[in-house]
Amino acid sequence: MDRYAAASPRDFLTVATPGAGKTTFALTVAAELLGRRIVDRITIVAPTEHLKVQWAEAAARAGIPIDPTYSAGSGKTSKDYVGIAVTYAGVAVNPLAMRIRTERFKTLVILDEIHHAGDAMSWGDGVREAFEPATRRLALTGTPFRSDVNPIPFVTYAPGDDGIPRSVADFTYGYAHALADHVVRPVLFMAYSGEMTWRTRAGDEVLARLGEPLTKDMHAQALRTALDPAGSWMPAVLAAADKRLSEVRRHMPDAGGLVIASDQESARAYAALLKKISGEAPTVVLSDEKAASKKISKFSDSDQRWMVAVRMVSEGVDVPRLGVGVWATTTGTQLFFAQAVGRFVRARGRGETASVFLPSVPHLLGYASEMEVERDHVLGRKVNDDGDIFAAENDLLAQANAAESASGELEMSFEALGSTASFDRVLYDGGEFGHSGEVHVGSEEEMDFLGIPGLLEPDQVRELLHSRTSERAKQQKAARGGREPDSVAELTTHEQLAVLRRELNGLVAAWHHRTGQAHGITHAALRKECGGPAAAVASADQLHARINRVREWAVKKTS
């Protein structure tokens, strides 16, 4: 607010983590500008129909009457309203009508989740044409920007160190800052592995383990096998999530859970499984239902345990009591991941924690490890050779074709035969915690983490995870007669990686105590200097390099 008031800019871009209060900020700015007669009208552009209504309700509480039912075809709206709420798709259908309205009045345009203006050329062009004459434009986003070739309207770009243009925000408030300020909840990512069996189109049976090195196609098929409601993986993970929800509800009595499903058929099947597990029928929200918004609002105001949804609650939808989530969708983009996790981080009081259950798939584990890293919109990409010249165009074509063909091809190419689940590890603040070796669902080792209290400060979460991991390690050592392997080389690959990750996490924790720098920020800095993916999916050589680099930092700081 101070920065906006000091600059009085025509365009202002705010990048803030979900739950930080972007809506409140925008409506406070709107009330201020209306009061000073700098603007006469408000236009709010949101990604979905549900969010239009949500914005109108929030604006009403701020004393700003907004019409969420406005359509360009009707032209006029009641004199009782000082503004309208529309969708990006609605603007793209008739940008000229929106432009005429914008020209008639001194207008403040609030562009919620503005990265959607880069989803399609027509959306971006429509937004630019409609709101070019606006008196003020306030752009908001709560999720990482993508890397593509579509510039987002009214966003400033500047070349980075590599010469590639990146978006420049006027104000940034990331997850790490919000966590330190107790504005958002710490998120525990509960990763589950297990063995998957499926049959290929050629008739071959394939057995693979979630999280092991696989080809991209095999990763996709293993994930779809895990998410099959008829297998054993989903029932086991849903049962574990329900146990976790019961633990959270001891401290947050109205805490709710959300399962994010890929399609309607799976959503209904997961709902049936949850009813058997919890004894209570969950709310099912399907994306094409007319009553979807009412169902979400009703669930938000109740103390019901579970909701199963297809896409409807991926972005902007405010259900503050959500404390436990289950990732049960094949959608795998970082943007969608950040939007989905954003549903669980909104804090109502100090000490609340959130838990999200994930399949142990490398890209998801990578996203979970990078929660605190801030990102900008990268415009275009570097051309490395002649064959790369058309890469950007090919990416756009691939995106356009993916929605139609990818799911159909996967359905044709394999048949899920069976699955088993096992607890893998917990990811928190860039680090990993768990027990070496396979942990069976329903075991005491799994309950070490499912039973974590629902009210803890971020530092308490970290200390508890460390203590439970080390206590169980001591018990396992005692059970082996106190003998440790002679060297890391004696361990299996899985155990060796676990040992190296624990060593790295310990050094990062020591660096945190010395410097005060958040664990996630340190992990990101190590990745930047040493290269490679997140620690959750890094190789042994990459982990060794990061371990050595932290030690070098410690020596330099000491000297």
Protein backbone atom coordinates (compact mmCIF):
# COMPACT_ATOMS: atom_id res chain seq x y z
CA MET A 1 0.00 0.00 0.00
CA ASP A 2 2.81 2.42 0.89
CA ARG A 3 4.64 1.72 -2.36
CA TYR A 4 1.46 2.10 -4.43
CA ALA A 5 0.54 5.38 -2.70
CA ALA A 6 4.03 6.79 -3.15
CA ALA A 7 4.26 5.93 -6.85
CA SER A 8 0.60 6.49 -7.91
CA PRO A 9 1.34 4.38 -11.01
CA ARG A 10 -0.93 3.69 -13.94
CA ASP A 11 0.24 0.05 -13.95
CA PHE A 12 1.23 -1.92 -10.85
CA LEU A 13 2.11 -5.65 -10.68
CA THR A 14 1.89 -7.42 -7.31
CA VAL A 15 3.28 -10.96 -7.02
CA ALA A 16 2.25 -12.48 -3.69
CA THR A 17 1.86 -16.03 -2.42
CA PRO A 18 -1.68 -17.45 -2.11
CA GLY A 19 -3.20 -16.48 1.21
CA ALA A 20 -1.15 -13.28 1.57
CA GLY A 21 -4.14 -10.96 1.09
CA LYS A 22 -4.04 -9.82 -2.56
CA THR A 23 -7.83 -9.41 -2.65
CA THR A 24 -7.84 -7.21 0.45
CA PHE A 25 -4.98 -5.12 -0.96
CA ALA A 26 -6.69 -4.62 -4.32
CA LEU A 27 -10.04 -3.66 -2.78
CA THR A 28 -8.34 -1.25 -0.37
CA VAL A 29 -6.67 0.44 -3.35
CA ALA A 30 -10.04 0.53 -5.15
CA ALA A 31 -11.79 2.14 -2.17
CA GLU A 32 -9.00 4.73 -1.88
CA LEU A 33 -9.12 5.65 -5.58
CA LEU A 34 -12.94 5.85 -5.56
CA GLY A 35 -12.88 8.02 -2.45
CA ARG A 36 -10.40 10.44 -4.03
CA ARG A 37 -12.40 10.46 -7.30
CA ILE A 38 -9.33 9.32 -9.25
CA VAL A 39 -11.60 6.60 -10.71
CA ASP A 40 -15.37 6.32 -11.05
CA ARG A 41 -15.74 2.64 -11.97
CA ILE A 42 -14.09 -0.71 -11.17
CA THR A 43 -13.65 -3.63 -13.57
CA ILE A 44 -12.42 -6.93 -12.08
CA VAL A 45 -11.13 -9.62 -14.45
CA ALA A 46 -10.92 -13.12 -12.94
CA PRO A 47 -10.04 -16.57 -14.38
CA THR A 48 -13.33 -18.35 -13.58
CA GLU A 49 -17.05 -17.75 -13.07
CA HIS A 50 -16.79 -18.82 -9.42
CA LEU A 51 -14.07 -16.26 -8.74
CA LYS A 52 -16.25 -13.47 -10.18
CA VAL A 53 -18.81 -14.20 -7.47
CA GLN A 54 -16.12 -14.50 -4.80
CA TRP A 55 -14.69 -11.09 -5.79
CA ALA A 56 -18.18 -9.52 -5.73
CA GLU A 57 -18.81 -10.88 -2.22
CA ALA A 58 -15.43 -9.62 -0.96
CA ALA A 59 -16.04 -6.20 -2.57
CA ALA A 60 -19.47 -5.96 -0.93
CA ARG A 61 -17.83 -6.44 2.48
CA ALA A 62 -15.52 -3.54 1.56
CA GLY A 63 -18.48 -1.35 0.63
CA ILE A 64 -17.94 -1.60 -3.14
CA PRO A 65 -21.00 -3.03 -4.99
CA ILE A 66 -19.82 -5.18 -7.95
CA ASP A 67 -22.05 -6.91 -10.54
CA PRO A 68 -20.72 -10.47 -11.17
CA THR A 69 -23.47 -11.25 -13.72
CA TYR A 70 -22.50 -8.53 -16.22
CA SER A 71 -22.10 -9.59 -19.84
CA ALA A 72 -20.86 -7.47 -22.74
CA GLY A 73 -24.04 -8.24 -24.68
CA SER A 74 -26.24 -6.49 -22.11
CA GLY A 75 -24.16 -3.31 -22.26
CA LYS A 76 -25.58 -1.63 -19.16
CA THR A 77 -25.77 -2.56 -15.52
CA SER A 78 -27.80 -1.27 -12.55
CA LYS A 79 -26.93 2.17 -11.13
CA ASP A 80 -26.56 0.45 -7.75
CA TYR A 81 -23.21 -0.98 -8.92
CA VAL A 82 -19.93 0.90 -9.23
CA GLY A 83 -18.20 -1.95 -10.99
CA ILE A 84 -18.40 -5.29 -12.77
CA ALA A 85 -16.61 -8.65 -12.61
CA VAL A 86 -15.84 -10.53 -15.84
CA THR A 87 -13.66 -13.45 -16.94
CA TYR A 88 -10.64 -13.38 -19.26
CA ALA A 89 -12.58 -15.56 -21.69
CA GLY A 90 -15.51 -13.13 -21.56
CA VAL A 91 -13.21 -10.19 -22.36
CA ALA A 92 -11.71 -12.07 -25.32
CA VAL A 93 -15.19 -12.70 -26.80
CA ASN A 94 -16.03 -8.99 -27.09
CA PRO A 95 -13.06 -6.74 -26.22
CA LEU A 96 -14.52 -3.78 -28.13
CA ALA A 97 -17.58 -3.60 -25.85
CA MET A 98 -15.30 -3.64 -22.80
CA ARG A 99 -13.13 -0.92 -24.35
CA ILE A 100 -16.14 1.35 -24.91
CA ARG A 101 -17.14 0.93 -21.25
CA THR A 102 -13.56 1.59 -20.14
CA GLU A 103 -13.42 4.79 -22.21
CA ARG A 104 -16.76 6.10 -20.90
CA PHE A 105 -15.65 6.16 -17.26
CA LYS A 106 -12.43 6.72 -15.33
CA THR A 107 -11.82 3.03 -14.67
CA LEU A 108 -9.62 0.98 -12.34
CA VAL A 109 -9.05 -2.48 -13.83
CA ILE A 110 -8.05 -5.25 -11.39
CA LEU A 111 -6.49 -8.16 -13.31
CA ASP A 112 -6.62 -11.15 -10.97
CA GLU A 113 -4.13 -13.98 -11.70
CA ILE A 114 -2.90 -11.99 -14.70
CA HIS A 115 -0.73 -14.85 -15.97
CA HIS A 116 -3.97 -16.14 -17.55
CA ALA A 117 -3.75 -13.29 -20.04
CA GLY A 118 -0.80 -15.22 -21.49
CA ASP A 119 -2.76 -18.49 -21.84
CA ALA A 120 -3.81 -17.72 -25.43
CA MET A 121 -2.97 -15.01 -27.93
CA SER A 122 -6.65 -14.07 -28.19
CA TRP A 123 -6.92 -13.59 -24.41
CA GLY A 124 -3.84 -11.36 -24.26
CA ASP A 125 -4.87 -9.34 -27.30
CA GLY A 126 -8.42 -8.98 -25.94
CA VAL A 127 -7.21 -7.75 -22.54
CA ARG A 128 -4.84 -5.27 -24.17
CA GLU A 129 -7.50 -3.89 -26.52
CA ALA A 130 -10.22 -3.70 -23.84
CA PHE A 131 -8.22 -2.00 -21.10
CA GLU A 132 -5.68 0.15 -22.95
CA PRO A 133 -7.71 3.32 -22.11
CA ALA A 134 -8.01 2.49 -18.37
CA THR A 135 -7.05 5.19 -15.86
CA ARG A 136 -5.39 2.66 -13.54
CA ARG A 137 -4.52 -1.05 -13.89
CA LEU A 138 -3.67 -3.26 -10.92
CA ALA A 139 -2.31 -6.71 -11.83
CA LEU A 140 -2.20 -9.55 -9.27
CA THR A 141 -0.74 -13.04 -9.36
CA GLY A 142 -0.10 -15.62 -6.68
CA THR A 143 1.62 -18.38 -8.67
CA PRO A 144 4.94 -18.74 -10.51
CA PHE A 145 4.89 -17.33 -14.01
CA ARG A 146 5.60 -19.77 -16.83
CA SER A 147 8.23 -19.64 -19.55
CA ASP A 148 6.59 -19.04 -22.91
CA VAL A 149 6.57 -16.63 -25.85
CA ASN A 150 3.31 -14.76 -25.10
CA PRO A 151 3.99 -11.41 -23.39
CA ILE A 152 1.43 -10.66 -20.69
CA PRO A 153 -0.35 -7.33 -21.28
CA PHE A 154 0.60 -4.37 -19.06
CA VAL A 155 3.55 -6.26 -17.54
CA THR A 156 7.05 -4.74 -17.79
CA TYR A 157 9.91 -6.97 -18.98
CA ALA A 158 13.65 -6.47 -18.49
CA PRO A 159 16.58 -8.62 -19.68
CA GLY A 160 18.11 -10.90 -17.02
CA ASP A 161 21.78 -11.87 -16.63
CA ASP A 162 21.37 -14.30 -19.53
CA GLY A 163 19.82 -11.66 -21.78
CA ILE A 164 16.36 -13.27 -21.73
CA PRO A 165 13.50 -10.85 -20.86
CA ARG A 166 11.78 -11.49 -17.52
CA SER A 167 8.78 -9.88 -15.88
CA VAL A 168 9.47 -7.13 -13.35
CA ALA A 169 7.10 -6.95 -10.37
CA ASP A 170 6.46 -3.69 -8.53
CA PHE A 171 6.04 -5.61 -5.27
CA THR A 172 6.86 -9.23 -4.40
CA TYR A 173 5.86 -11.13 -1.27
CA GLY A 174 6.95 -14.76 -1.50
CA TYR A 175 6.01 -17.88 0.45
CA ALA A 176 9.23 -17.76 2.51
CA HIS A 177 8.48 -14.19 3.67
CA ALA A 178 4.84 -15.01 4.40
CA LEU A 179 5.87 -18.10 6.39
CA ALA A 180 8.31 -16.05 8.48
CA ASP A 181 5.51 -13.51 9.13
CA HIS A 182 3.07 -16.31 10.14
CA VAL A 183 0.74 -15.25 7.31
CA VAL A 184 0.68 -18.73 5.72
CA ARG A 185 0.92 -22.28 7.04
CA PRO A 186 3.98 -24.51 6.77
CA VAL A 187 3.26 -27.33 4.28
CA LEU A 188 4.31 -30.93 4.93
CA PHE A 189 4.48 -32.96 1.71
CA MET A 190 3.85 -36.65 2.46
CA ALA A 191 5.32 -38.63 -0.46
CA TYR A 192 4.16 -42.20 -1.11
CA SER A 193 5.93 -44.74 -3.29
CA GLY A 194 4.97 -48.33 -4.16
CA GLU A 195 5.07 -50.96 -6.90
CA MET A 196 2.93 -50.48 -10.03
CA THR A 197 2.02 -53.14 -12.58
CA TRP A 198 0.47 -52.43 -15.98
CA ARG A 199 0.14 -53.99 -19.41
CA THR A 200 1.36 -52.15 -22.51
CA ARG A 201 -0.42 -52.01 -25.84
CA ALA A 202 1.96 -54.72 -27.07
CA GLY A 203 0.72 -57.04 -24.30
CA ASP A 204 3.86 -56.84 -22.14
CA GLU A 205 3.46 -56.62 -18.38
CA VAL A 206 5.60 -53.92 -16.75
CA LEU A 207 6.52 -53.72 -13.05
CA ALA A 208 8.02 -50.45 -11.80
CA ARG A 209 8.38 -48.54 -8.57
CA LEU A 210 7.21 -44.95 -8.19
CA GLY A 211 10.19 -42.65 -7.82
CA GLU A 212 12.72 -44.91 -9.55
CA PRO A 213 14.48 -43.62 -12.70
CA LEU A 214 12.05 -44.28 -15.58
CA THR A 215 11.36 -42.89 -19.03
CA LYS A 216 8.85 -40.05 -19.31
CA ASP A 217 6.17 -42.38 -20.72
CA MET A 218 6.77 -44.96 -17.97
CA HIS A 219 6.53 -42.25 -15.30
CA ALA A 220 3.17 -41.21 -16.74
CA GLN A 221 1.91 -44.80 -16.89
CA ALA A 222 3.16 -45.59 -13.36
CA LEU A 223 1.39 -42.48 -12.06
CA ARG A 224 -1.88 -43.38 -13.81
CA THR A 225 -1.62 -46.90 -12.39
CA ALA A 226 -1.17 -45.48 -8.88
CA LEU A 227 -4.20 -43.19 -9.30
CA ASP A 228 -6.43 -46.05 -10.51
CA PRO A 229 -9.25 -46.34 -7.90
CA ALA A 230 -9.39 -50.10 -8.46
CA GLY A 231 -5.77 -50.59 -7.30
CA SER A 232 -4.41 -50.66 -3.75
CA TRP A 233 -2.36 -47.42 -3.88
CA MET A 234 -5.20 -44.88 -3.80
CA PRO A 235 -7.20 -46.59 -1.01
CA ALA A 236 -4.05 -46.81 1.13
CA VAL A 237 -3.08 -43.16 0.56
CA LEU A 238 -6.65 -41.94 1.14
CA ALA A 239 -6.74 -43.93 4.40
CA ALA A 240 -3.43 -42.36 5.46
CA ALA A 241 -4.73 -38.89 4.55
CA ASP A 242 -7.88 -39.50 6.58
CA LYS A 243 -5.75 -40.49 9.60
CA ARG A 244 -3.76 -37.29 9.16
CA LEU A 245 -6.99 -35.27 8.94
CA SER A 246 -8.20 -36.81 12.21
CA GLU A 247 -4.92 -35.77 13.87
CA VAL A 248 -5.20 -32.21 12.48
CA ARG A 249 -8.84 -31.96 13.64
CA ARG A 250 -7.72 -32.55 17.23
CA HIS A 251 -6.30 -29.01 17.10
CA MET A 252 -8.41 -27.56 14.22
CA PRO A 253 -11.88 -29.11 14.83
CA ASP A 254 -13.34 -27.90 11.52
CA ALA A 255 -10.31 -28.81 9.35
CA GLY A 256 -11.25 -30.23 5.95
CA GLY A 257 -9.55 -32.33 3.30
CA LEU A 258 -9.46 -31.98 -0.48
CA VAL A 259 -8.74 -34.62 -3.13
CA ILE A 260 -7.79 -33.09 -6.49
CA ALA A 261 -8.88 -35.56 -9.20
CA SER A 262 -8.15 -35.75 -12.94
CA ASP A 263 -11.65 -36.48 -14.20
CA GLN A 264 -15.25 -36.94 -13.11
CA GLU A 265 -15.22 -40.74 -13.15
CA SER A 266 -12.17 -40.89 -10.88
CA ALA A 267 -13.62 -38.19 -8.59
CA ARG A 268 -16.77 -40.23 -7.99
CA ALA A 269 -14.71 -43.39 -7.37
CA TYR A 270 -12.46 -41.58 -4.84
CA ALA A 271 -15.58 -40.23 -3.10
CA ALA A 272 -16.90 -43.79 -2.73
CA LEU A 273 -13.56 -44.93 -1.25
CA LEU A 274 -13.54 -42.01 1.22
CA LYS A 275 -17.07 -42.82 2.33
CA LYS A 276 -15.94 -46.37 3.23
CA ILE A 277 -12.81 -45.08 4.98
CA SER A 278 -14.27 -42.16 6.95
CA GLY A 279 -17.92 -43.22 7.21
CA GLU A 280 -19.00 -39.83 5.82
CA ALA A 281 -19.96 -39.05 2.23
CA PRO A 282 -17.69 -36.30 0.83
CA THR A 283 -18.79 -33.31 -1.27
CA VAL A 284 -18.08 -33.94 -4.96
CA VAL A 285 -17.47 -30.85 -7.12
CA LEU A 286 -17.34 -31.32 -10.90
CA SER A 287 -16.08 -28.54 -13.13
CA ASP A 288 -19.10 -28.40 -15.46
CA GLU A 289 -21.79 -28.38 -12.75
CA LYS A 290 -23.94 -25.26 -12.47
CA ALA A 291 -24.11 -25.68 -8.69
CA ALA A 292 -20.34 -26.08 -8.26
CA SER A 293 -19.82 -22.64 -6.68
CA LYS A 294 -22.65 -23.20 -4.20
CA LYS A 295 -21.21 -26.61 -3.25
CA ILE A 296 -17.79 -25.09 -2.55
CA SER A 297 -19.31 -22.28 -0.46
CA LYS A 298 -21.46 -24.76 1.49
CA PHE A 299 -18.44 -26.98 2.17
CA SER A 300 -16.39 -23.95 3.25
CA ASP A 301 -19.03 -22.98 5.85
CA SER A 302 -19.53 -26.54 7.19
CA ASP A 303 -17.36 -28.90 9.25
CA GLN A 304 -17.57 -31.74 6.71
CA ARG A 305 -14.42 -33.84 6.45
CA TRP A 306 -13.74 -34.25 2.71
CA MET A 307 -14.31 -32.65 -0.68
CA VAL A 308 -13.33 -34.26 -4.01
CA ALA A 309 -12.97 -31.84 -6.92
CA VAL A 310 -12.04 -31.76 -10.59
CA ARG A 311 -10.12 -28.53 -11.37
CA MET A 312 -12.67 -26.28 -9.62
CA VAL A 313 -10.48 -25.45 -6.63
CA SER A 314 -7.10 -25.19 -8.31
CA GLU A 315 -6.85 -21.41 -8.12
CA GLY A 316 -8.17 -18.47 -6.19
CA VAL A 317 -10.98 -20.38 -4.45
CA ASP A 318 -10.89 -19.54 -0.75
CA VAL A 319 -11.66 -22.42 1.65
CA PRO A 320 -9.49 -21.44 4.65
CA ARG A 321 -10.30 -24.57 6.69
CA LEU A 322 -8.60 -26.91 4.18
CA GLY A 323 -5.73 -28.55 6.07
CA VAL A 324 -5.08 -31.84 4.23
CA GLY A 325 -4.81 -32.45 0.48
CA VAL A 326 -4.34 -35.45 -1.78
CA TRP A 327 -2.76 -34.97 -5.20
CA ALA A 328 -4.67 -37.46 -7.38
CA THR A 329 -4.36 -35.83 -10.79
CA THR A 330 -2.12 -36.47 -13.79
CA THR A 331 -1.85 -32.71 -14.43
CA GLY A 332 1.83 -32.07 -13.86
CA THR A 333 2.69 -28.42 -14.58
CA GLN A 334 4.44 -26.30 -11.97
CA LEU A 335 1.81 -23.59 -12.38
CA PHE A 336 -1.06 -25.98 -11.52
CA PHE A 337 0.95 -27.44 -8.62
CA ALA A 338 1.50 -24.00 -7.10
CA GLN A 339 -2.18 -23.11 -7.57
CA ALA A 340 -3.33 -26.36 -5.97
CA VAL A 341 -0.98 -26.13 -2.97
CA GLY A 342 -2.13 -22.53 -2.55
CA ARG A 343 -5.52 -23.89 -1.43
CA PHE A 344 -3.95 -25.24 1.78
CA VAL A 345 -1.57 -22.49 2.89
CA ARG A 346 -4.11 -19.85 4.01
CA ALA A 347 -3.63 -19.41 7.76
CA ARG A 348 -6.48 -18.43 10.09
CA GLY A 349 -4.43 -18.51 13.27
CA ARG A 350 -0.84 -19.05 14.38
CA GLY A 351 0.54 -22.58 14.43
CA GLU A 352 -1.75 -24.19 11.85
CA THR A 353 -0.02 -26.70 9.55
CA ALA A 354 -1.02 -28.10 6.16
CA SER A 355 -0.32 -31.58 4.76
CA VAL A 356 -0.37 -32.57 1.08
CA PHE A 357 -0.10 -36.25 0.05
CA LEU A 358 1.86 -36.81 -3.18
CA PRO A 359 2.91 -39.72 -5.38
CA SER A 360 6.73 -40.07 -5.40
CA VAL A 361 7.08 -38.78 -8.95
CA PRO A 362 10.29 -36.79 -9.62
CA HIS A 363 8.73 -33.62 -11.04
CA LEU A 364 6.21 -33.37 -8.17
CA LEU A 365 8.92 -33.94 -5.55
CA GLY A 366 10.96 -31.24 -7.30
CA TYR A 367 8.09 -28.75 -7.14
CA ALA A 368 7.53 -29.56 -3.45
CA SER A 369 11.21 -28.92 -2.69
CA GLU A 370 11.09 -25.50 -4.36
CA MET A 371 8.10 -23.94 -2.60
CA GLU A 372 10.11 -20.91 -1.42
CA VAL A 373 11.82 -20.07 -4.71
CA GLU A 374 10.42 -16.96 -6.39
CA ARG A 375 9.98 -16.92 -10.16
CA ASP A 376 9.23 -14.46 -12.93
CA HIS A 377 7.64 -14.81 -16.34
CA VAL A 378 10.42 -15.73 -18.79
CA LEU A 379 9.71 -14.39 -22.26
CA GLY A 380 10.94 -16.66 -25.04
CA ARG A 381 13.94 -18.93 -24.79
CA LYS A 382 17.58 -18.95 -25.83
CA VAL A 383 18.33 -20.42 -29.28
CA ASN A 384 21.32 -22.74 -29.00
CA ASP A 385 21.50 -24.18 -32.51
CA ASP A 386 19.72 -24.24 -35.87
CA GLY A 387 17.44 -27.06 -34.75
CA ASP A 388 16.32 -24.96 -31.80
CA ILE A 389 15.08 -22.01 -33.87
CA PHE A 390 11.54 -23.37 -34.08
CA ALA A 391 11.51 -24.73 -30.53
CA ALA A 392 9.26 -21.98 -29.13
CA GLU A 393 6.73 -22.45 -31.92
CA ASN A 394 6.87 -26.22 -31.48
CA ASP A 395 6.21 -25.80 -27.74
CA LEU A 396 3.05 -23.83 -28.48
CA LEU A 397 1.88 -26.45 -30.98
CA ALA A 398 2.59 -29.21 -28.47
CA GLN A 399 0.53 -27.41 -25.83
CA ALA A 400 -2.36 -26.97 -28.24
CA ASN A 401 -2.32 -30.63 -29.24
CA ALA A 402 -1.65 -32.08 -25.79
CA ALA A 403 -5.14 -31.55 -24.42
CA GLU A 404 -6.73 -33.50 -27.25
CA SER A 405 -4.32 -36.35 -27.77
CA ALA A 406 -2.28 -37.08 -24.64
CA SER A 407 -4.92 -38.65 -22.43
CA GLY A 408 -6.34 -40.69 -25.30
CA GLU A 409 -2.94 -42.08 -26.25
CA LEU A 410 -2.18 -43.07 -22.67
CA GLU A 411 -5.55 -44.81 -22.35
CA MET A 412 -4.78 -46.78 -25.51
CA SER A 413 -1.20 -47.64 -24.63
CA PHE A 414 -1.60 -49.39 -21.29
CA GLU A 415 -3.94 -51.10 -18.84
CA ALA A 416 -3.48 -50.78 -15.07
CA LEU A 417 -3.19 -54.21 -13.45
CA GLY A 418 -2.42 -53.46 -9.80
CA SER A 419 -0.59 -51.27 -7.31
CA THR A 420 0.74 -51.25 -3.76
CA ALA A 421 1.60 -48.25 -1.58
CA SER A 422 4.43 -47.57 0.85
CA PHE A 423 5.38 -44.43 2.77
CA ASP A 424 8.43 -42.79 1.23
CA ARG A 425 9.37 -39.51 2.95
CA VAL A 426 8.25 -36.08 4.13
CA LEU A 427 9.43 -32.98 2.28
CA TYR A 428 9.49 -29.74 4.26
CA ASP A 429 11.30 -26.42 3.78
CA GLY A 430 13.54 -27.82 1.04
CA GLY A 431 14.65 -30.79 3.18
CA GLU A 432 13.63 -34.44 3.45
CA PHE A 433 12.72 -36.56 6.46
CA GLY A 434 11.89 -40.25 6.67
CA HIS A 435 13.15 -43.73 7.46
CA SER A 436 15.64 -45.62 5.32
CA GLY A 437 14.17 -48.67 3.66
CA GLU A 438 10.55 -49.47 2.84
CA VAL A 439 7.92 -48.23 5.28
CA HIS A 440 4.64 -50.15 5.17
CA VAL A 441 1.31 -48.35 5.22
CA GLY A 442 -0.22 -48.57 8.69
CA SER A 443 3.12 -49.14 10.44
CA GLU A 444 4.49 -47.25 13.46
CA GLU A 445 7.11 -45.65 11.20
CA GLU A 446 4.37 -44.12 9.05
CA MET A 447 2.48 -42.90 12.14
CA ASP A 448 5.64 -41.07 13.27
CA PHE A 449 4.74 -38.53 10.59
CA LEU A 450 0.96 -38.90 10.22
CA GLY A 451 0.66 -38.19 13.95
CA ILE A 452 2.47 -34.83 13.87
CA PRO A 453 0.30 -32.30 15.79
CA GLY A 454 -1.84 -29.95 13.72
CA LEU A 455 -0.69 -26.84 15.63
CA LEU A 456 3.05 -26.15 15.33
CA GLU A 457 5.25 -23.18 14.45
CA PRO A 458 7.56 -23.68 11.41
CA ASP A 459 10.68 -24.17 13.58
CA GLN A 460 8.83 -26.68 15.76
CA VAL A 461 7.81 -28.65 12.65
CA ARG A 462 11.45 -28.87 11.57
CA GLU A 463 12.69 -29.91 15.01
CA LEU A 464 9.99 -32.56 15.37
CA LEU A 465 10.74 -34.03 11.94
CA HIS A 466 14.46 -34.18 12.79
CA SER A 467 13.81 -35.82 16.16
CA ARG A 468 11.39 -38.45 14.83
CA THR A 469 13.77 -39.37 12.02
CA SER A 470 16.78 -39.68 14.34
CA GLU A 471 14.86 -41.58 17.06
CA ARG A 472 13.68 -44.18 14.57
CA ALA A 473 17.23 -44.45 13.13
CA LYS A 474 18.56 -45.22 16.64
CA GLN A 475 15.90 -47.91 17.11
CA GLN A 476 16.78 -49.47 13.75
CA LYS A 477 20.49 -49.42 14.65
CA ALA A 478 19.76 -51.11 17.99
CA ALA A 479 17.67 -53.77 16.22
CA ARG A 480 20.67 -54.53 13.95
CA GLY A 481 22.86 -55.01 17.00
CA GLY A 482 24.40 -51.55 16.73
CA ARG A 483 26.31 -52.29 13.54
CA GLU A 484 26.48 -49.53 10.91
CA PRO A 485 27.55 -50.23 7.31
CA ASP A 486 31.31 -49.76 6.90
CA SER A 487 30.83 -47.16 4.17
CA VAL A 488 28.23 -45.44 2.07
CA ALA A 489 29.29 -47.67 -0.82
CA GLU A 490 28.00 -50.73 1.08
CA LEU A 491 24.46 -49.36 0.97
CA THR A 492 21.98 -49.91 -1.82
CA THR A 493 21.42 -46.99 -4.22
CA HIS A 494 18.17 -46.08 -2.46
CA GLU A 495 19.79 -46.10 0.99
CA GLN A 496 22.92 -44.30 -0.27
CA LEU A 497 20.84 -41.43 -1.66
CA ALA A 498 18.87 -41.27 1.60
CA VAL A 499 22.14 -41.01 3.61
CA LEU A 500 23.49 -38.26 1.36
CA ARG A 501 20.23 -36.32 1.49
CA ARG A 502 20.22 -36.55 5.29
CA GLU A 503 23.83 -35.31 5.41
CA LEU A 504 22.98 -32.41 3.09
CA ASN A 505 19.88 -31.51 5.12
CA GLY A 506 21.95 -31.56 8.32
CA LEU A 507 24.52 -29.18 6.83
CA VAL A 508 21.78 -26.88 5.49
CA ALA A 509 20.22 -26.86 8.97
CA ALA A 510 23.59 -25.93 10.49
CA TRP A 511 23.96 -23.14 7.91
CA HIS A 512 20.47 -21.90 8.89
CA HIS A 513 21.46 -21.72 12.56
CA ARG A 514 24.63 -19.83 11.65
CA THR A 515 23.15 -17.35 9.14
CA GLY A 516 19.38 -17.38 9.71
CA GLN A 517 18.81 -18.13 6.01
CA ALA A 518 15.73 -20.31 5.32
CA HIS A 519 16.45 -23.93 4.39
CA GLY A 520 14.60 -23.67 1.07
CA ILE A 521 16.59 -20.58 0.03
CA THR A 522 19.87 -22.35 0.83
CA HIS A 523 18.85 -25.43 -1.18
CA ALA A 524 17.96 -23.14 -4.12
CA ALA A 525 21.34 -21.38 -3.90
CA LEU A 526 23.15 -24.74 -3.91
CA ARG A 527 21.20 -25.82 -6.99
CA LYS A 528 22.09 -22.60 -8.75
CA GLU A 529 25.81 -22.99 -8.02
CA CYS A 530 26.16 -26.77 -8.50
CA GLY A 531 23.42 -27.44 -11.07
CA GLY A 532 21.00 -30.35 -11.14
CA PRO A 533 17.41 -30.90 -9.95
CA ALA A 534 15.95 -30.55 -6.45
CA ALA A 535 17.58 -32.63 -3.69
CA ALA A 536 14.57 -34.96 -3.68
CA VAL A 537 15.52 -36.26 -7.14
CA ALA A 538 19.24 -35.40 -7.38
CA SER A 539 21.89 -38.02 -8.12
CA ALA A 540 24.63 -39.07 -5.68
CA ASP A 541 27.26 -36.97 -7.51
CA GLN A 542 25.04 -33.90 -7.42
CA LEU A 543 24.37 -34.36 -3.68
CA HIS A 544 28.13 -34.80 -3.03
CA ALA A 545 28.83 -31.55 -4.91
CA ARG A 546 26.28 -29.64 -2.79
CA ILE A 547 27.61 -31.13 0.45
CA ASN A 548 31.14 -30.00 -0.47
CA ARG A 549 29.90 -26.55 -1.45
CA VAL A 550 28.15 -25.97 1.91
CA ARG A 551 31.35 -27.00 3.67
CA GLU A 552 33.28 -24.50 1.54
CA TRP A 553 30.83 -21.76 2.56
CA ALA A 554 31.30 -22.68 6.23
CA VAL A 555 35.12 -22.53 5.95
CA LYS A 556 35.02 -19.13 4.20
CA LYS A 557 32.62 -17.67 6.77
CA THR A 558 34.78 -18.98 9.65
CA SER A 559 37.99 -17.59 8.14
